Amino acid sequence: MSLYEEFSLDSNGVVLSAALCTPDTPSPHPGLILCHGMPANPPGDNVSPLIPVDIGYPDLARLCAESGFATLIFYFRGAG
């Protein structure tokens, strides 16, 4: 289980959508920032047995949090 919180970031006047997914265990936790272009598995490309297809950033953040990492996702300027 993990905790998922959406919020906004200000990038020099441009509002970016973001989310932080954290393990539901006591802190501190190592951290990850997931950036665009990852994951990039085409549908049906079984590159990893843990992530058989491109599951999307929110689900990947939850998977990382369930593995013990505080995980930040966000949209770059001009995306999303």
N, C-alpha and C. Protein backbone atom coordinates (compact mmCIF):
# COMPACT_ATOMS: atom_id res chain seq x y z
N MET A 1 0.84 -1.18 0.00
CA MET A 1 0.00 0.00 0.00
C MET A 1 0.89 1.24 0.00
N SER A 2 0.40 2.31 -0.62
CA SER A 2 1.16 3.56 -0.69
C SER A 2 0.21 4.74 -0.59
N LEU A 3 0.77 5.91 -0.34
CA LEU A 3 0.00 7.15 -0.26
C LEU A 3 0.28 7.96 -1.52
N TYR A 4 -0.76 8.51 -2.14
CA TYR A 4 -0.64 9.24 -3.40
C TYR A 4 -1.27 10.60 -3.24
N GLU A 5 -0.49 11.67 -3.48
CA GLU A 5 -0.98 13.03 -3.32
C GLU A 5 -0.65 13.86 -4.55
N GLU A 6 -1.68 14.42 -5.18
CA GLU A 6 -1.47 15.30 -6.33
C GLU A 6 -1.32 16.74 -5.84
N PHE A 7 -0.49 17.52 -6.56
CA PHE A 7 -0.30 18.93 -6.23
C PHE A 7 0.22 19.64 -7.46
N SER A 8 0.44 20.95 -7.35
CA SER A 8 0.93 21.76 -8.47
C SER A 8 2.29 22.34 -8.12
N LEU A 9 3.13 22.49 -9.13
CA LEU A 9 4.42 23.15 -9.01
C LEU A 9 4.39 24.42 -9.85
N ASP A 10 5.05 25.47 -9.38
CA ASP A 10 5.17 26.71 -10.15
C ASP A 10 6.54 26.72 -10.80
N SER A 11 6.56 26.76 -12.14
CA SER A 11 7.81 26.82 -12.88
C SER A 11 7.88 28.16 -13.60
N ASN A 12 8.36 29.15 -12.87
CA ASN A 12 8.48 30.51 -13.43
C ASN A 12 7.16 31.00 -14.02
N GLY A 13 6.09 30.81 -13.25
CA GLY A 13 4.77 31.28 -13.67
C GLY A 13 3.94 30.27 -14.42
N VAL A 14 4.51 29.13 -14.77
CA VAL A 14 3.76 28.08 -15.46
C VAL A 14 3.44 26.99 -14.42
N VAL A 15 2.17 26.68 -14.26
CA VAL A 15 1.75 25.68 -13.28
C VAL A 15 1.88 24.28 -13.88
N LEU A 16 2.60 23.42 -13.17
CA LEU A 16 2.82 22.04 -13.61
C LEU A 16 2.07 21.09 -12.68
N SER A 17 1.41 20.09 -13.22
CA SER A 17 0.77 19.05 -12.43
C SER A 17 1.84 18.08 -11.94
N ALA A 18 1.69 17.65 -10.68
CA ALA A 18 2.67 16.74 -10.09
C ALA A 18 1.96 15.83 -9.09
N ALA A 19 2.65 14.78 -8.68
CA ALA A 19 2.14 13.89 -7.64
C ALA A 19 3.32 13.27 -6.91
N LEU A 20 3.11 13.01 -5.64
CA LEU A 20 4.10 12.34 -4.81
C LEU A 20 3.46 11.07 -4.28
N CYS A 21 4.14 9.97 -4.47
CA CYS A 21 3.67 8.68 -3.98
C CYS A 21 4.70 8.17 -2.98
N THR A 22 4.25 7.89 -1.78
CA THR A 22 5.17 7.47 -0.73
C THR A 22 4.74 6.15 -0.11
N PRO A 23 5.71 5.39 0.39
CA PRO A 23 5.35 4.17 1.11
C PRO A 23 4.55 4.54 2.36
N ASP A 24 3.70 3.65 2.81
CA ASP A 24 2.93 3.92 4.03
C ASP A 24 3.64 3.39 5.27
N THR A 25 4.97 3.36 5.21
CA THR A 25 5.80 2.96 6.34
C THR A 25 6.52 4.20 6.87
N PRO A 26 7.08 4.14 8.09
CA PRO A 26 7.75 5.31 8.66
C PRO A 26 8.91 5.81 7.79
N SER A 27 9.09 7.13 7.76
CA SER A 27 10.18 7.79 7.02
C SER A 27 11.48 7.61 7.77
N PRO A 28 12.61 7.92 7.14
CA PRO A 28 12.82 8.43 5.79
C PRO A 28 12.83 7.31 4.76
N HIS A 29 12.63 7.71 3.49
CA HIS A 29 12.64 6.79 2.36
C HIS A 29 13.58 7.33 1.30
N PRO A 30 14.27 6.46 0.56
CA PRO A 30 15.03 6.95 -0.60
C PRO A 30 14.04 7.50 -1.62
N GLY A 31 14.49 8.43 -2.45
CA GLY A 31 13.57 9.08 -3.38
C GLY A 31 13.91 8.85 -4.84
N LEU A 32 12.86 8.90 -5.67
CA LEU A 32 12.99 8.80 -7.12
C LEU A 32 12.19 9.93 -7.76
N ILE A 33 12.65 10.41 -8.90
CA ILE A 33 11.89 11.33 -9.73
C ILE A 33 11.77 10.66 -11.09
N LEU A 34 10.53 10.37 -11.50
CA LEU A 34 10.30 9.73 -12.80
C LEU A 34 10.06 10.82 -13.84
N CYS A 35 10.80 10.75 -14.93
CA CYS A 35 10.73 11.77 -15.98
C CYS A 35 10.12 11.18 -17.26
N HIS A 36 9.62 12.05 -18.12
CA HIS A 36 9.00 11.63 -19.38
C HIS A 36 9.95 10.75 -20.19
N GLY A 37 9.37 9.84 -20.93
CA GLY A 37 10.15 8.93 -21.76
C GLY A 37 10.44 7.62 -21.07
N MET A 38 9.99 7.48 -19.85
CA MET A 38 10.24 6.28 -19.07
C MET A 38 9.00 5.99 -18.26
N PRO A 39 8.33 4.91 -18.32
CA PRO A 39 8.64 3.75 -19.15
C PRO A 39 8.25 4.00 -20.60
N ALA A 40 8.87 3.29 -21.48
CA ALA A 40 8.60 3.49 -22.91
C ALA A 40 8.39 2.17 -23.62
N ASN A 41 7.90 1.18 -22.91
CA ASN A 41 7.64 -0.11 -23.53
C ASN A 41 6.42 -0.02 -24.43
N PRO A 42 6.52 -0.42 -25.69
CA PRO A 42 5.31 -0.47 -26.51
C PRO A 42 4.36 -1.53 -25.94
N PRO A 43 3.05 -1.35 -26.09
CA PRO A 43 2.11 -2.36 -25.59
C PRO A 43 2.47 -3.76 -26.09
N GLY A 44 2.50 -4.69 -25.17
CA GLY A 44 2.81 -6.07 -25.52
C GLY A 44 4.30 -6.40 -25.54
N ASP A 45 5.18 -5.39 -25.38
CA ASP A 45 6.63 -5.64 -25.35
C ASP A 45 6.98 -6.12 -23.95
N ASN A 46 7.24 -7.39 -23.81
CA ASN A 46 7.48 -7.98 -22.49
C ASN A 46 8.95 -7.84 -22.10
N VAL A 47 9.39 -6.58 -21.87
CA VAL A 47 10.78 -6.30 -21.53
C VAL A 47 11.10 -6.74 -20.11
N SER A 48 10.17 -6.52 -19.19
CA SER A 48 10.39 -6.84 -17.79
C SER A 48 9.24 -7.70 -17.28
N PRO A 49 9.54 -8.75 -16.54
CA PRO A 49 8.44 -9.53 -15.97
C PRO A 49 7.67 -8.75 -14.91
N LEU A 50 8.29 -7.72 -14.31
CA LEU A 50 7.60 -6.92 -13.30
C LEU A 50 6.68 -5.88 -13.93
N ILE A 51 7.06 -5.36 -15.10
CA ILE A 51 6.27 -4.35 -15.79
C ILE A 51 6.12 -4.81 -17.24
N PRO A 52 5.14 -5.66 -17.52
CA PRO A 52 5.04 -6.25 -18.85
C PRO A 52 4.66 -5.28 -19.95
N VAL A 53 3.98 -4.17 -19.64
CA VAL A 53 3.61 -3.15 -20.62
C VAL A 53 3.78 -1.79 -19.98
N ASP A 54 3.70 -0.73 -20.79
CA ASP A 54 3.79 0.63 -20.28
C ASP A 54 2.57 0.89 -19.41
N ILE A 55 2.76 0.89 -18.08
CA ILE A 55 1.63 0.98 -17.16
C ILE A 55 1.25 2.42 -16.83
N GLY A 56 2.03 3.39 -17.25
CA GLY A 56 1.72 4.78 -16.95
C GLY A 56 2.42 5.25 -15.68
N TYR A 57 2.59 6.54 -15.59
CA TYR A 57 3.36 7.11 -14.49
C TYR A 57 2.72 6.94 -13.12
N PRO A 58 1.42 7.21 -12.94
CA PRO A 58 0.85 7.02 -11.60
C PRO A 58 1.00 5.59 -11.07
N ASP A 59 0.74 4.60 -11.93
CA ASP A 59 0.88 3.22 -11.49
C ASP A 59 2.34 2.84 -11.25
N LEU A 60 3.24 3.37 -12.08
CA LEU A 60 4.66 3.11 -11.87
C LEU A 60 5.12 3.75 -10.55
N ALA A 61 4.65 4.95 -10.25
CA ALA A 61 4.99 5.61 -8.98
C ALA A 61 4.50 4.77 -7.80
N ARG A 62 3.30 4.23 -7.91
CA ARG A 62 2.77 3.37 -6.84
C ARG A 62 3.61 2.11 -6.68
N LEU A 63 4.02 1.51 -7.79
CA LEU A 63 4.86 0.32 -7.75
C LEU A 63 6.19 0.63 -7.06
N CYS A 64 6.79 1.78 -7.39
CA CYS A 64 8.05 2.18 -6.75
C CYS A 64 7.85 2.42 -5.26
N ALA A 65 6.73 3.08 -4.90
CA ALA A 65 6.46 3.34 -3.48
C ALA A 65 6.26 2.04 -2.72
N GLU A 66 5.60 1.08 -3.33
CA GLU A 66 5.41 -0.21 -2.68
C GLU A 66 6.73 -0.96 -2.53
N SER A 67 7.75 -0.54 -3.29
CA SER A 67 9.09 -1.12 -3.17
C SER A 67 9.96 -0.31 -2.21
N GLY A 68 9.37 0.73 -1.57
CA GLY A 68 10.08 1.48 -0.53
C GLY A 68 10.59 2.85 -0.92
N PHE A 69 10.27 3.35 -2.12
CA PHE A 69 10.78 4.64 -2.59
C PHE A 69 9.70 5.73 -2.57
N ALA A 70 10.04 6.90 -2.05
CA ALA A 70 9.19 8.07 -2.24
C ALA A 70 9.39 8.49 -3.69
N THR A 71 8.31 8.63 -4.45
CA THR A 71 8.41 8.81 -5.89
C THR A 71 7.63 10.03 -6.36
N LEU A 72 8.32 10.94 -7.05
CA LEU A 72 7.72 12.15 -7.58
C LEU A 72 7.54 12.00 -9.09
N ILE A 73 6.34 12.36 -9.57
CA ILE A 73 6.08 12.44 -11.00
C ILE A 73 5.55 13.83 -11.30
N PHE A 74 5.81 14.34 -12.51
CA PHE A 74 5.33 15.66 -12.89
C PHE A 74 5.32 15.76 -14.40
N TYR A 75 4.56 16.74 -14.91
CA TYR A 75 4.57 17.05 -16.34
C TYR A 75 5.59 18.14 -16.59
N PHE A 76 6.47 17.95 -17.57
CA PHE A 76 7.39 19.00 -17.98
C PHE A 76 6.60 20.15 -18.56
N ARG A 77 7.21 21.32 -18.62
CA ARG A 77 6.56 22.47 -19.27
C ARG A 77 6.24 22.11 -20.71
N GLY A 78 5.03 22.43 -21.14
CA GLY A 78 4.62 22.15 -22.51
C GLY A 78 4.09 20.75 -22.73
N ALA A 79 4.01 19.95 -21.68
CA ALA A 79 3.48 18.59 -21.79
C ALA A 79 2.33 18.43 -20.80
N GLY A 80 1.40 17.57 -21.13
CA GLY A 80 0.30 17.29 -20.20
C GLY A 80 -0.68 18.39 -20.15
